[in-house]
C-alpha atoms as a PDB file:
ATOM      1  CA  MET A   1      28.887   3.738   7.766  1.00  0.00           C
ATOM      2  CA  ASP A   2      32.023   4.192   9.905  1.00  0.00           C
ATOM      3  CA  THR A   3      33.043   0.541   9.536  1.00  0.00           C
ATOM      4  CA  GLU A   4      33.076  -1.961   6.714  1.00  0.00           C
ATOM      5  CA  PHE A   5      30.308  -3.946   8.415  1.00  0.00           C
ATOM      6  CA  GLY A   6      28.207  -0.809   8.773  1.00  0.00           C
ATOM      7  CA  ALA A   7      28.676   0.046   5.110  1.00  0.00           C
ATOM      8  CA  ILE A   8      27.700  -3.471   4.019  1.00  0.00           C
ATOM      9  CA  ASN A   9      24.639  -3.381   6.302  1.00  0.00           C
ATOM     10  CA  VAL A  10      23.508  -0.039   4.849  1.00  0.00           C
ATOM     11  CA  LEU A  11      24.014  -1.201   1.269  1.00  0.00           C
ATOM     12  CA  PHE A  12      22.132  -4.450   1.869  1.00  0.00           C
ATOM     13  CA  THR A  13      19.263  -2.689   3.623  1.00  0.00           C
ATOM     14  CA  GLU A  14      18.815  -0.131   0.858  1.00  0.00           C
ATOM     15  CA  PHE A  15      19.100  -2.795  -1.864  1.00  0.00           C
ATOM     16  CA  TYR A  16      16.542  -4.925  -0.010  1.00  0.00           C
ATOM     17  CA  TYR A  17      14.108  -2.021   0.132  1.00  0.00           C
ATOM     18  CA  TRP A  18      14.527  -1.346  -3.588  1.00  0.00           C
ATOM     19  CA  VAL A  19      13.700  -5.025  -4.301  1.00  0.00           C
ATOM     20  CA  THR A  20      10.558  -4.889  -2.157  1.00  0.00           C
ATOM     21  CA  VAL A  21       9.497  -1.688  -3.945  1.00  0.00           C
ATOM     22  CA  VAL A  22       9.636  -3.534  -7.265  1.00  0.00           C
ATOM     23  CA  ILE A  23       7.590  -6.408  -5.842  1.00  0.00           C
ATOM     24  CA  MET A  24       5.033  -3.947  -4.490  1.00  0.00           C
ATOM     25  CA  PHE A  25       4.429  -2.738  -8.044  1.00  0.00           C
ATOM     26  CA  LEU A  26       2.635  -6.056  -8.619  1.00  0.00           C
ATOM     27  CA  ILE A  27      -0.159  -4.816  -6.341  1.00  0.00           C
ATOM     28  CA  HIS A  28      -1.073  -2.165  -8.890  1.00  0.00           C
ATOM     29  CA  VAL A  29      -0.675  -4.651 -11.759  1.00  0.00           C
ATOM     30  CA  GLY A  30      -2.961  -7.072  -9.921  1.00  0.00           C
ATOM     31  CA  PHE A  31      -5.634  -4.432  -9.387  1.00  0.00           C
ATOM     32  CA  CYS A  32      -5.564  -3.560 -13.074  1.00  0.00           C
ATOM     33  CA  VAL A  33      -5.867  -7.197 -14.174  1.00  0.00           C
ATOM     34  CA  TYR A  34      -8.577  -7.855 -11.602  1.00  0.00           C
ATOM     35  CA  GLU A  35     -10.649  -4.852 -12.683  1.00  0.00           C
ATOM     36  CA  VAL A  36     -10.408  -5.751 -16.366  1.00  0.00           C
ATOM     37  CA  GLY A  37     -11.605  -9.267 -15.564  1.00  0.00           C
ATOM     38  CA  ALA A  38     -14.437  -8.020 -13.366  1.00  0.00           C
ATOM     39  CA  SER A  39     -15.725  -5.361 -15.770  1.00  0.00           C
ATOM     40  CA  ARG A  40     -17.793  -5.946 -18.878  1.00  0.00           C
ATOM     41  CA  ARG A  41     -16.169  -5.938 -22.311  1.00  0.00           C
ATOM     42  CA  LYS A  42     -17.482  -2.502 -23.297  1.00  0.00           C
ATOM     43  CA  HIS A  43     -15.691  -0.973 -20.306  1.00  0.00           C
ATOM     44  CA  HIS A  44     -12.282  -2.606 -20.866  1.00  0.00           C
ATOM     45  CA  MET A  45     -10.564   0.365 -22.522  1.00  0.00           C
ATOM     46  CA  HIS A  46     -11.875   2.739 -19.848  1.00  0.00           C
ATOM     47  CA  THR A  47     -10.691   0.414 -17.075  1.00  0.00           C
ATOM     48  CA  LEU A  48      -7.240  -0.002 -18.607  1.00  0.00           C
ATOM     49  CA  MET A  49      -6.781   3.735 -19.157  1.00  0.00           C
ATOM     50  CA  LYS A  50      -8.068   4.567 -15.679  1.00  0.00           C
ATOM     51  CA  ASN A  51      -5.482   2.291 -14.033  1.00  0.00           C
ATOM     52  CA  THR A  52      -2.635   3.162 -16.387  1.00  0.00           C
ATOM     53  CA  MET A  53      -2.972   6.900 -15.808  1.00  0.00           C
ATOM     54  CA  VAL A  54      -2.866   6.460 -12.031  1.00  0.00           C
ATOM     55  CA  ILE A  55       0.904   5.960 -12.307  1.00  0.00           C
ATOM     56  CA  PRO A  56       1.867   9.300 -13.923  1.00  0.00           C
ATOM     57  CA  VAL A  57      -0.864  11.308 -12.153  1.00  0.00           C
ATOM     58  CA  VAL A  58      -0.005  10.118  -8.641  1.00  0.00           C
ATOM     59  CA  THR A  59       3.751   9.993  -9.262  1.00  0.00           C
ATOM     60  CA  VAL A  60       3.961  13.616 -10.402  1.00  0.00           C
ATOM     61  CA  THR A  61       1.717  14.971  -7.638  1.00  0.00           C
ATOM     62  CA  PHE A  62       3.439  12.880  -4.981  1.00  0.00           C
ATOM     63  CA  TYR A  63       6.791  14.258  -6.127  1.00  0.00           C
ATOM     64  CA  LEU A  64       5.504  17.834  -6.082  1.00  0.00           C
ATOM     65  CA  PHE A  65       3.854  17.834  -2.656  1.00  0.00           C
ATOM     66  CA  GLY A  66       2.986  14.357  -1.326  1.00  0.00           C
ATOM     67  CA  TRP A  67       6.400  13.477   0.114  1.00  0.00           C
ATOM     68  CA  TRP A  68       6.706  16.957   1.610  1.00  0.00           C
ATOM     69  CA  ILE A  69       3.325  16.576   3.346  1.00  0.00           C
ATOM     70  CA  TYR A  70       4.559  13.426   5.118  1.00  0.00           C
ATOM     71  CA  SER A  71       7.574  15.236   6.552  1.00  0.00           C
ATOM     72  CA  ALA A  72       5.904  18.592   7.265  1.00  0.00           C
ATOM     73  CA  PHE A  73       2.747  17.673   9.225  1.00  0.00           C
ATOM     74  CA  PRO A  74       3.602  15.215  12.029  1.00  0.00           C
ATOM     75  CA  ASN A  75       2.592  17.702  14.745  1.00  0.00           C
ATOM     76  CA  GLY A  76      -0.896  17.799  16.143  1.00  0.00           C
ATOM     77  CA  PRO A  77      -3.497  16.931  17.220  1.00  0.00           C
ATOM     78  CA  GLY A  78      -4.778  17.544  13.732  1.00  0.00           C
ATOM     79  CA  PHE A  79      -3.226  20.695  12.266  1.00  0.00           C
ATOM     80  CA  THR A  80      -2.764  22.465  15.612  1.00  0.00           C
ATOM     81  CA  GLY A  81       0.949  21.755  16.033  1.00  0.00           C
ATOM     82  CA  GLY A  82       2.182  23.717  13.045  1.00  0.00           C
ATOM     83  CA  MET A  83       4.396  22.601  10.194  1.00  0.00           C
ATOM     84  CA  VAL A  84       7.902  21.140  10.408  1.00  0.00           C
ATOM     85  CA  ALA A  85      10.619  22.359   8.057  1.00  0.00           C
ATOM     86  CA  ALA A  86      11.476  19.640   5.542  1.00  0.00           C
ATOM     87  CA  PRO A  87      13.814  21.167   2.946  1.00  0.00           C
ATOM     88  CA  PHE A  88      15.007  17.732   1.809  1.00  0.00           C
ATOM     89  CA  ALA A  89      11.442  16.855   0.678  1.00  0.00           C
ATOM     90  CA  GLU A  90      10.703  20.008  -1.304  1.00  0.00           C
ATOM     91  CA  PRO A  91      10.441  19.235  -5.024  1.00  0.00           C
ATOM     92  CA  TRP A  92      13.109  21.779  -5.979  1.00  0.00           C
ATOM     93  CA  SER A  93      15.597  20.433  -3.418  1.00  0.00           C
ATOM     94  CA  GLU A  94      18.829  18.946  -4.708  1.00  0.00           C
ATOM     95  CA  LEU A  95      18.116  15.893  -2.518  1.00  0.00           C
ATOM     96  CA  MET A  96      14.963  15.099  -4.525  1.00  0.00           C
ATOM     97  CA  GLY A  97      17.100  14.112  -7.508  1.00  0.00           C
ATOM     98  CA  PRO A  98      20.019  11.718  -8.041  1.00  0.00           C
ATOM     99  CA  HIS A  99      22.583  12.596  -5.388  1.00  0.00           C
ATOM    100  CA  MET A 100      25.918  11.079  -4.438  1.00  0.00           C
ATOM    101  CA  GLY A 101      26.287  12.868  -1.099  1.00  0.00           C
ATOM    102  CA  GLY A 102      29.047  15.289  -0.209  1.00  0.00           C
ATOM    103  CA  ALA A 103      28.735  18.942   0.678  1.00  0.00           C
ATOM    104  CA  PRO A 104      25.385  20.574  -0.146  1.00  0.00           C
ATOM    105  CA  ALA A 105      25.346  22.628  -3.318  1.00  0.00           C
ATOM    106  CA  THR A 106      23.050  25.285  -1.845  1.00  0.00           C
ATOM    107  CA  ASP A 107      22.196  26.777   1.523  1.00  0.00           C
ATOM    108  CA  ALA A 108      18.688  25.288   1.417  1.00  0.00           C
ATOM    109  CA  VAL A 109      19.858  22.051   3.077  1.00  0.00           C
ATOM    110  CA  THR A 110      22.466  21.374   5.720  1.00  0.00           C
ATOM    111  CA  ALA A 111      25.393  18.983   5.645  1.00  0.00           C
ATOM    112  CA  ALA A 112      23.474  16.732   8.054  1.00  0.00           C
ATOM    113  CA  ASP A 113      20.500  16.667   5.659  1.00  0.00           C
ATOM    114  CA  THR A 114      22.791  15.715   2.793  1.00  0.00           C
ATOM    115  CA  ALA A 115      24.589  13.008   4.788  1.00  0.00           C
ATOM    116  CA  LEU A 116      21.308  11.302   5.702  1.00  0.00           C
ATOM    117  CA  TRP A 117      18.830  12.001   2.931  1.00  0.00           C
ATOM    118  CA  ALA A 118      21.176  11.752  -0.060  1.00  0.00           C
ATOM    119  CA  ARG A 119      20.829   7.966   0.342  1.00  0.00           C
ATOM    120  CA  LEU A 120      17.473   7.538   2.023  1.00  0.00           C
ATOM    121  CA  ASN A 121      15.324  10.074   0.173  1.00  0.00           C
ATOM    122  CA  GLY A 122      15.088   8.009  -2.986  1.00  0.00           C
ATOM    123  CA  VAL A 123      14.266   4.644  -1.485  1.00  0.00           C
ATOM    124  CA  PHE A 124      11.734   5.969   1.040  1.00  0.00           C
ATOM    125  CA  TRP A 125      10.113   8.215  -1.566  1.00  0.00           C
ATOM    126  CA  ALA A 126       9.751   5.215  -3.860  1.00  0.00           C
ATOM    127  CA  ALA A 127       8.317   2.991  -1.119  1.00  0.00           C
ATOM    128  CA  PHE A 128       5.740   5.590  -0.097  1.00  0.00           C
ATOM    129  CA  LEU A 129       4.924   6.243  -3.747  1.00  0.00           C
ATOM    130  CA  LEU A 130       3.959   2.577  -4.138  1.00  0.00           C
ATOM    131  CA  PHE A 131       1.634   2.954  -1.148  1.00  0.00           C
ATOM    132  CA  SER A 132       0.142   5.984  -2.909  1.00  0.00           C
ATOM    133  CA  TRP A 133      -0.526   3.902  -6.013  1.00  0.00           C
ATOM    134  CA  THR A 134      -2.121   1.248  -3.805  1.00  0.00           C
ATOM    135  CA  THR A 135      -4.549   3.681  -2.190  1.00  0.00           C
ATOM    136  CA  ALA A 136      -5.586   4.960  -5.620  1.00  0.00           C
ATOM    137  CA  SER A 137      -5.949   1.363  -6.857  1.00  0.00           C
ATOM    138  CA  ILE A 138      -8.238   0.490  -3.952  1.00  0.00           C
ATOM    139  CA  VAL A 139     -10.492   3.398  -4.886  1.00  0.00           C
ATOM    140  CA  SER A 140     -10.323   2.410  -8.561  1.00  0.00           C
ATOM    141  CA  GLY A 141     -11.503  -1.119  -7.805  1.00  0.00           C
ATOM    142  CA  ALA A 142     -14.516   0.226  -5.933  1.00  0.00           C
ATOM    143  CA  CYS A 143     -15.509   2.524  -8.819  1.00  0.00           C
ATOM    144  CA  ILE A 144     -15.600  -0.031 -11.647  1.00  0.00           C
ATOM    145  CA  GLU A 145     -17.905   1.054 -14.491  1.00  0.00           C
ATOM    146  CA  ARG A 146     -19.321   4.065 -12.665  1.00  0.00           C
ATOM    147  CA  ILE A 147     -16.937   7.035 -12.854  1.00  0.00           C
ATOM    148  CA  ARG A 148     -15.500   9.316 -15.546  1.00  0.00           C
ATOM    149  CA  SER A 149     -11.758   8.976 -16.164  1.00  0.00           C
ATOM    150  CA  GLY A 150     -10.969  12.640 -15.510  1.00  0.00           C
ATOM    151  CA  ALA A 151     -12.938  12.703 -12.271  1.00  0.00           C
ATOM    152  CA  PHE A 152     -11.176   9.559 -11.073  1.00  0.00           C
ATOM    153  CA  TRP A 153      -7.725  10.968 -11.810  1.00  0.00           C
ATOM    154  CA  VAL A 154      -8.497  14.064  -9.741  1.00  0.00           C
ATOM    155  CA  LEU A 155      -9.667  11.843  -6.886  1.00  0.00           C
ATOM    156  CA  ALA A 156      -6.614   9.590  -7.326  1.00  0.00           C
ATOM    157  CA  ALA A 157      -4.320  12.585  -6.865  1.00  0.00           C
ATOM    158  CA  LEU A 158      -6.328  13.651  -3.800  1.00  0.00           C
ATOM    159  CA  ILE A 159      -6.223  10.272  -2.035  1.00  0.00           C
ATOM    160  CA  GLY A 160      -2.768   9.251  -3.302  1.00  0.00           C
ATOM    161  CA  SER A 161      -0.839  12.464  -2.726  1.00  0.00           C
ATOM    162  CA  VAL A 162      -2.745  14.299   0.034  1.00  0.00           C
ATOM    163  CA  LEU A 163      -5.150  12.399   2.269  1.00  0.00           C
ATOM    164  CA  TRP A 164      -3.461   9.066   2.944  1.00  0.00           C
ATOM    165  CA  ILE A 165       0.016  10.597   3.222  1.00  0.00           C
ATOM    166  CA  LEU A 166      -1.303  13.169   5.690  1.00  0.00           C
ATOM    167  CA  ASP A 167      -2.612  10.333   7.828  1.00  0.00           C
ATOM    168  CA  ALA A 168       0.752   8.567   7.405  1.00  0.00           C
ATOM    169  CA  SER A 169       2.436  11.704   8.744  1.00  0.00           C
ATOM    170  CA  TRP A 170       0.258  11.412  11.846  1.00  0.00           C
ATOM    171  CA  GLY A 171       0.360   7.630  12.325  1.00  0.00           C
ATOM    172  CA  TRP A 172       3.634   6.416  10.740  1.00  0.00           C
ATOM    173  CA  HIS A 173       6.088   9.269  11.199  1.00  0.00           C
ATOM    174  CA  PRO A 174       8.350   8.676  14.252  1.00  0.00           C
ATOM    175  CA  GLN A 175       7.240  12.089  15.558  1.00  0.00           C
ATOM    176  CA  GLY A 176       3.624  11.756  14.439  1.00  0.00           C
ATOM    177  CA  TRP A 177       1.178  13.071  17.020  1.00  0.00           C
ATOM    178  CA  MET A 178      -0.950   9.902  16.949  1.00  0.00           C
ATOM    179  CA  VAL A 179       2.170   7.862  17.716  1.00  0.00           C
ATOM    180  CA  ARG A 180       3.420  10.169  20.471  1.00  0.00           C
ATOM    181  CA  LEU A 181       0.150  11.131  22.144  1.00  0.00           C
ATOM    182  CA  LEU A 182      -2.073   8.103  21.529  1.00  0.00           C
ATOM    183  CA  GLY A 183       0.469   5.304  21.184  1.00  0.00           C
ATOM    184  CA  TYR A 184      -1.052   4.507  17.799  1.00  0.00           C
ATOM    185  CA  HIS A 185       0.092   1.195  16.309  1.00  0.00           C
ATOM    186  CA  ASP A 186      -0.848   0.639  12.684  1.00  0.00           C
ATOM    187  CA  ALA A 187      -0.503  -3.111  12.160  1.00  0.00           C
ATOM    188  CA  TYR A 188      -0.245  -4.088   8.481  1.00  0.00           C
ATOM    189  CA  ALA A 189      -1.135  -0.557   7.334  1.00  0.00           C
ATOM    190  CA  SER A 190      -4.727  -1.354   8.268  1.00  0.00           C
ATOM    191  CA  GLY A 191      -5.546   2.208   9.287  1.00  0.00           C
ATOM    192  CA  VAL A 192      -3.249   4.540   7.371  1.00  0.00           C
ATOM    193  CA  VAL A 193      -3.688   2.812   3.989  1.00  0.00           C
ATOM    194  CA  HIS A 194      -6.685   0.492   3.947  1.00  0.00           C
ATOM    195  CA  ALA A 195      -9.094   2.333   6.236  1.00  0.00           C
ATOM    196  CA  ILE A 196      -8.416   5.714   4.616  1.00  0.00           C
ATOM    197  CA  ALA A 197      -8.716   4.363   1.063  1.00  0.00           C
ATOM    198  CA  GLY A 198     -11.787   2.292   1.936  1.00  0.00           C
ATOM    199  CA  GLY A 199     -13.551   5.194   3.622  1.00  0.00           C
ATOM    200  CA  PHE A 200     -12.686   7.477   0.714  1.00  0.00           C
ATOM    201  CA  ALA A 201     -14.087   4.911  -1.747  1.00  0.00           C
ATOM    202  CA  LEU A 202     -17.261   4.548   0.327  1.00  0.00           C
ATOM    203  CA  GLY A 203     -17.828   8.307   0.202  1.00  0.00           C
ATOM    204  CA  ILE A 204     -17.483   8.267  -3.589  1.00  0.00           C
ATOM    205  CA  LEU A 205     -19.897   5.358  -3.959  1.00  0.00           C
ATOM    206  CA  LEU A 206     -22.503   7.061  -1.776  1.00  0.00           C
ATOM    207  CA  VAL A 207     -22.531   9.838  -4.377  1.00  0.00           C
ATOM    208  CA  LEU A 208     -22.261   7.704  -7.517  1.00  0.00           C
ATOM    209  CA  GLY A 209     -24.634   4.933  -6.511  1.00  0.00           C
ATOM    210  CA  PRO A 210     -24.746   1.471  -8.126  1.00  0.00           C
ATOM    211  CA  ARG A 211     -23.687   0.580 -11.646  1.00  0.00           C
ATOM    212  CA  ILE A 212     -26.187   1.359 -14.402  1.00  0.00           C
ATOM    213  CA  GLY A 213     -28.317  -1.721 -14.997  1.00  0.00           C
ATOM    214  CA  LYS A 214     -27.591  -3.257 -11.605  1.00  0.00           C
ATOM    215  CA  PHE A 215     -31.269  -3.112 -10.560  1.00  0.00           C
ATOM    216  CA  ARG A 216     -34.407  -3.974 -12.509  1.00  0.00           C
ATOM    217  CA  ALA A 217     -37.436  -1.685 -12.706  1.00  0.00           C
ATOM    218  CA  ASP A 218     -39.003  -3.478  -9.736  1.00  0.00           C
ATOM    219  CA  GLY A 219     -35.889  -2.908  -7.618  1.00  0.00           C
ATOM    220  CA  THR A 220     -34.564  -6.472  -7.639  1.00  0.00           C
ATOM    221  CA  PRO A 221     -30.793  -6.744  -8.298  1.00  0.00           C
ATOM    222  CA  ARG A 222     -29.194  -8.295 -11.360  1.00  0.00           C
ATOM    223  CA  ASN A 223     -26.029 -10.355 -11.166  1.00  0.00           C
ATOM    224  CA  ILE A 224     -23.248  -8.712 -13.180  1.00  0.00           C
ATOM    225  CA  ASN A 225     -20.843 -11.602 -13.529  1.00  0.00           C
ATOM    226  CA  PRO A 226     -17.111 -11.070 -14.149  1.00  0.00           C
ATOM    227  CA  HIS A 227     -16.266 -10.941 -17.834  1.00  0.00           C
ATOM    228  CA  ASN A 228     -13.202 -13.162 -17.345  1.00  0.00           C
ATOM    229  CA  PRO A 229     -12.890 -15.158 -14.096  1.00  0.00           C
ATOM    230  CA  TRP A 230      -9.365 -16.169 -15.103  1.00  0.00           C
ATOM    231  CA  LEU A 231      -8.182 -12.567 -15.120  1.00  0.00           C
ATOM    232  CA  VAL A 232      -9.923 -11.945 -11.808  1.00  0.00           C
ATOM    233  CA  THR A 233      -8.070 -14.882 -10.251  1.00  0.00           C
ATOM    234  CA  VAL A 234      -4.694 -13.964 -11.746  1.00  0.00           C
ATOM    235  CA  GLY A 235      -5.180 -10.377 -10.583  1.00  0.00           C
ATOM    236  CA  LEU A 236      -5.816 -11.529  -7.033  1.00  0.00           C
ATOM    237  CA  PHE A 237      -2.698 -13.699  -7.108  1.00  0.00           C
ATOM    238  CA  LEU A 238      -0.637 -10.740  -8.332  1.00  0.00           C
ATOM    239  CA  ILE A 239      -1.998  -8.632  -5.476  1.00  0.00           C
ATOM    240  CA  TYR A 240      -1.072 -11.393  -3.022  1.00  0.00           C
ATOM    241  CA  THR A 241       2.429 -11.494  -4.532  1.00  0.00           C
ATOM    242  CA  GLY A 242       2.757  -7.742  -4.146  1.00  0.00           C
ATOM    243  CA  PHE A 243       1.895  -8.111  -0.476  1.00  0.00           C
ATOM    244  CA  TRP A 244       5.216  -9.891   0.039  1.00  0.00           C
ATOM    245  CA  GLY A 245       6.914  -6.658  -0.926  1.00  0.00           C
ATOM    246  CA  PHE A 246       4.394  -4.693   1.146  1.00  0.00           C
ATOM    247  CA  TYR A 247       5.131  -6.658   4.312  1.00  0.00           C
ATOM    248  CA  GLY A 248       8.706  -7.395   3.277  1.00  0.00           C
ATOM    249  CA  GLN A 249       9.690  -3.852   4.254  1.00  0.00           C
ATOM    250  CA  SER A 250       9.838  -5.071   7.844  1.00  0.00           C
ATOM    251  CA  ALA A 251      11.600  -7.877   9.676  1.00  0.00           C
ATOM    252  CA  PHE A 252       8.633 -10.089   8.789  1.00  0.00           C
ATOM    253  CA  GLY A 253       9.796  -9.998   5.189  1.00  0.00           C
ATOM    254  CA  LEU A 254      13.060 -11.770   6.029  1.00  0.00           C
ATOM    255  CA  THR A 255      11.130 -14.740   7.426  1.00  0.00           C
ATOM    256  CA  LEU A 256       9.578 -15.202   3.988  1.00  0.00           C
ATOM    257  CA  VAL A 257      12.907 -15.909   2.300  1.00  0.00           C
ATOM    258  CA  PRO A 258      13.045 -19.690   3.088  1.00  0.00           C
ATOM    259  CA  LEU A 259       9.406 -20.136   2.127  1.00  0.00           C
ATOM    260  CA  LEU A 260       9.800 -18.275  -1.176  1.00  0.00           C
ATOM    261  CA  LEU A 261      12.957 -20.208  -2.052  1.00  0.00           C
ATOM    262  CA  GLY A 262      11.218 -23.472  -1.259  1.00  0.00           C
ATOM    263  CA  VAL A 263       8.155 -22.608  -3.315  1.00  0.00           C
ATOM    264  CA  GLY A 264      10.419 -21.580  -6.191  1.00  0.00           C
ATOM    265  CA  LEU A 265      12.242 -24.909  -6.144  1.00  0.00           C
ATOM    266  CA  LEU A 266       8.967 -26.823  -5.953  1.00  0.00           C
ATOM    267  CA  PHE A 267       7.632 -24.857  -8.896  1.00  0.00           C
ATOM    268  CA  PHE A 268      10.370 -26.350 -11.078  1.00  0.00           C
ATOM    269  CA  ASP A 269      10.507 -29.761  -9.383  1.00  0.00           C
ATOM    270  CA  GLY A 270       7.645 -30.905  -7.195  1.00  0.00           C
ATOM    271  CA  ARG A 271       9.802 -33.726  -5.798  1.00  0.00           C
ATOM    272  CA  SER A 272      12.655 -31.478  -4.656  1.00  0.00           C
ATOM    273  CA  VAL A 273      13.651 -32.445  -1.118  1.00  0.00           C
ATOM    274  CA  ALA A 274      15.353 -29.092  -0.573  1.00  0.00           C
ATOM    275  CA  GLY A 275      12.219 -27.332  -1.775  1.00  0.00           C
ATOM    276  CA  TRP A 276       9.977 -29.182   0.663  1.00  0.00           C
ATOM    277  CA  LEU A 277      12.420 -28.623   3.531  1.00  0.00           C
ATOM    278  CA  LEU A 278      12.702 -24.889   2.840  1.00  0.00           C
ATOM    279  CA  ALA A 279       8.950 -24.460   2.362  1.00  0.00           C
ATOM    280  CA  GLY A 280       8.173 -26.402   5.545  1.00  0.00           C
ATOM    281  CA  ALA A 281      10.815 -24.596   7.579  1.00  0.00           C
ATOM    282  CA  GLY A 282       9.624 -21.241   6.253  1.00  0.00           C
ATOM    283  CA  ALA A 283       6.019 -21.993   7.208  1.00  0.00           C
ATOM    284  CA  VAL A 284       7.081 -23.059  10.722  1.00  0.00           C
ATOM    285  CA  ILE A 285       9.171 -19.883  11.166  1.00  0.00           C
ATOM    286  CA  ILE A 286       6.282 -17.671  10.055  1.00  0.00           C
ATOM    287  CA  PHE A 287       3.680 -19.297  12.298  1.00  0.00           C
ATOM    288  CA  ALA A 288       6.083 -19.336  15.244  1.00  0.00           C
ATOM    289  CA  GLY A 289       6.797 -15.643  14.721  1.00  0.00           C
ATOM    290  CA  ILE A 290       3.089 -14.852  14.555  1.00  0.00           C
ATOM    291  CA  LEU A 291       2.423 -16.678  17.839  1.00  0.00           C
ATOM    292  CA  VAL A 292       5.394 -15.080  19.593  1.00  0.00           C
ATOM    293  CA  ASN A 293       4.527 -11.567  18.441  1.00  0.00           C
ATOM    294  CA  LEU A 294       0.767 -11.627  19.021  1.00  0.00           C
ATOM    295  CA  ARG A 295       1.243  -9.454  22.086  1.00  0.00           C
ATOM    296  CA  ILE A 296       2.967  -6.779  19.989  1.00  0.00           C
ATOM    297  CA  TYR A 297      -0.030  -6.365  17.705  1.00  0.00           C
ATOM    298  CA  PHE A 298      -2.831  -6.791  20.216  1.00  0.00           C
ATOM    299  CA  GLN A 299      -1.393  -5.304  23.402  1.00  0.00           C
ATOM    300  CA  PRO A 300      -1.846  -1.662  22.257  1.00  0.00           C
ATOM    301  CA  THR A 301      -5.398  -2.393  21.082  1.00  0.00           C
ATOM    302  CA  SER A 302      -8.241  -1.504  23.438  1.00  0.00           C
ATOM    303  CA  LEU A 303     -11.209  -3.805  24.103  1.00  0.00           C
ATOM    304  CA  PHE A 304     -13.486  -1.403  22.216  1.00  0.00           C
ATOM    305  CA  ASN A 305     -11.273  -1.449  19.113  1.00  0.00           C
ATOM    306  CA  THR A 306     -11.033  -5.227  19.268  1.00  0.00           C
ATOM    307  CA  LEU A 307     -14.816  -5.573  19.429  1.00  0.00           C
ATOM    308  CA  VAL A 308     -15.253  -3.136  16.540  1.00  0.00           C
ATOM    309  CA  MET A 309     -12.735  -5.130  14.508  1.00  0.00           C
ATOM    310  CA  LEU A 310     -14.561  -8.412  15.209  1.00  0.00           C
ATOM    311  CA  VAL A 311     -17.965  -6.909  14.345  1.00  0.00           C
ATOM    312  CA  LEU A 312     -16.622  -5.545  11.062  1.00  0.00           C
ATOM    313  CA  LEU A 313     -14.991  -8.894  10.296  1.00  0.00           C
ATOM    314  CA  VAL A 314     -18.196 -10.840  10.905  1.00  0.00           C
ATOM    315  CA  GLY A 315     -20.213  -8.303   8.927  1.00  0.00           C
ATOM    316  CA  GLY A 316     -17.793  -8.453   6.016  1.00  0.00           C
ATOM    317  CA  LEU A 317     -17.874 -12.252   5.939  1.00  0.00           C
ATOM    318  CA  GLY A 318     -21.683 -12.129   6.042  1.00  0.00           C
ATOM    319  CA  LEU A 319     -21.836  -9.753   3.076  1.00  0.00           C
ATOM    320  CA  LEU A 320     -19.370 -11.944   1.182  1.00  0.00           C
ATOM    321  CA  ALA A 321     -21.418 -15.067   1.862  1.00  0.00           C
ATOM    322  CA  ARG A 322     -24.578 -13.289   0.755  1.00  0.00           C
ATOM    323  CA  SER A 323     -22.988 -12.120  -2.500  1.00  0.00           C
ATOM    324  CA  LEU A 324     -21.772 -15.629  -3.291  1.00  0.00           C
ATOM    325  CA  ARG A 325     -25.114 -17.275  -2.539  1.00  0.00           C
ATOM    326  CA  SER A 326     -26.354 -16.795  -6.102  1.00  0.00           C
ATOM    327  CA  TYR A 327     -23.354 -18.747  -7.434  1.00  0.00           C
ATOM    328  CA  ALA A 328     -23.954 -21.769  -5.201  1.00  0.00           C
END
């Protein structure tokens, strides 16, 4: 921030991140709406309470130790590299509260820590907190109608404030051992967020088993239809909207601006020429960027990983088609 341009750039970047954090909150809202629509009426209060309590449970635990874990465990492989001092991320640090910069008030942090983290600690903590909520929401969606509230909240704190953030320390941190030693590239948070949360949810479901009443006495399955398909659909749309904030925390997010402006204008006036031009130009920019940057996302991926990804994709589509067959 030595120049006026540098100061404006910093202010815009931090403001932009705060906006995307707010948009990301819609992911959790979407999961809650989706789960209420997918569950049966007698489970509505349980589903609402389960999702509502994720916010305070994960927020408090992430403040106490989750953010510190991200900064303290980038060394490896595994836990072999020892911890890294991260005084700015300790819950009792002055930099974990509102801070206007200046000289540190205590000897626990240095002037360099204060100069950097007085601004960045809040916005990055908030962004990672939203990822923590998302991991807990993924697990919540997998456990509809089959888990006690208290047990889920314990598991939400475990996945949201310990397990996924530990993996983020290895695979997202600039000094993470998976990044340095393996050249790990986590496109679209597919490994650090989705794979960890999905695997965690699978482990829970292997213990819990299917929902009560899912199978008849002879072993044949019953269809448990969504209570409210409208809520299911709206929930999915809210999750999709939250993804704009999720992916907006990269340069890709800036390419969405023309498209979003165009869609907004068309929402109010379907005949808006400016709306159609912005939406069309935004779509062209996005697809052009995807084609140009394919090498970035697929170059670090080995043939084995690519084949595994394709097998899982085909298998997932097959399971989806099978589950929808009864509705045809």
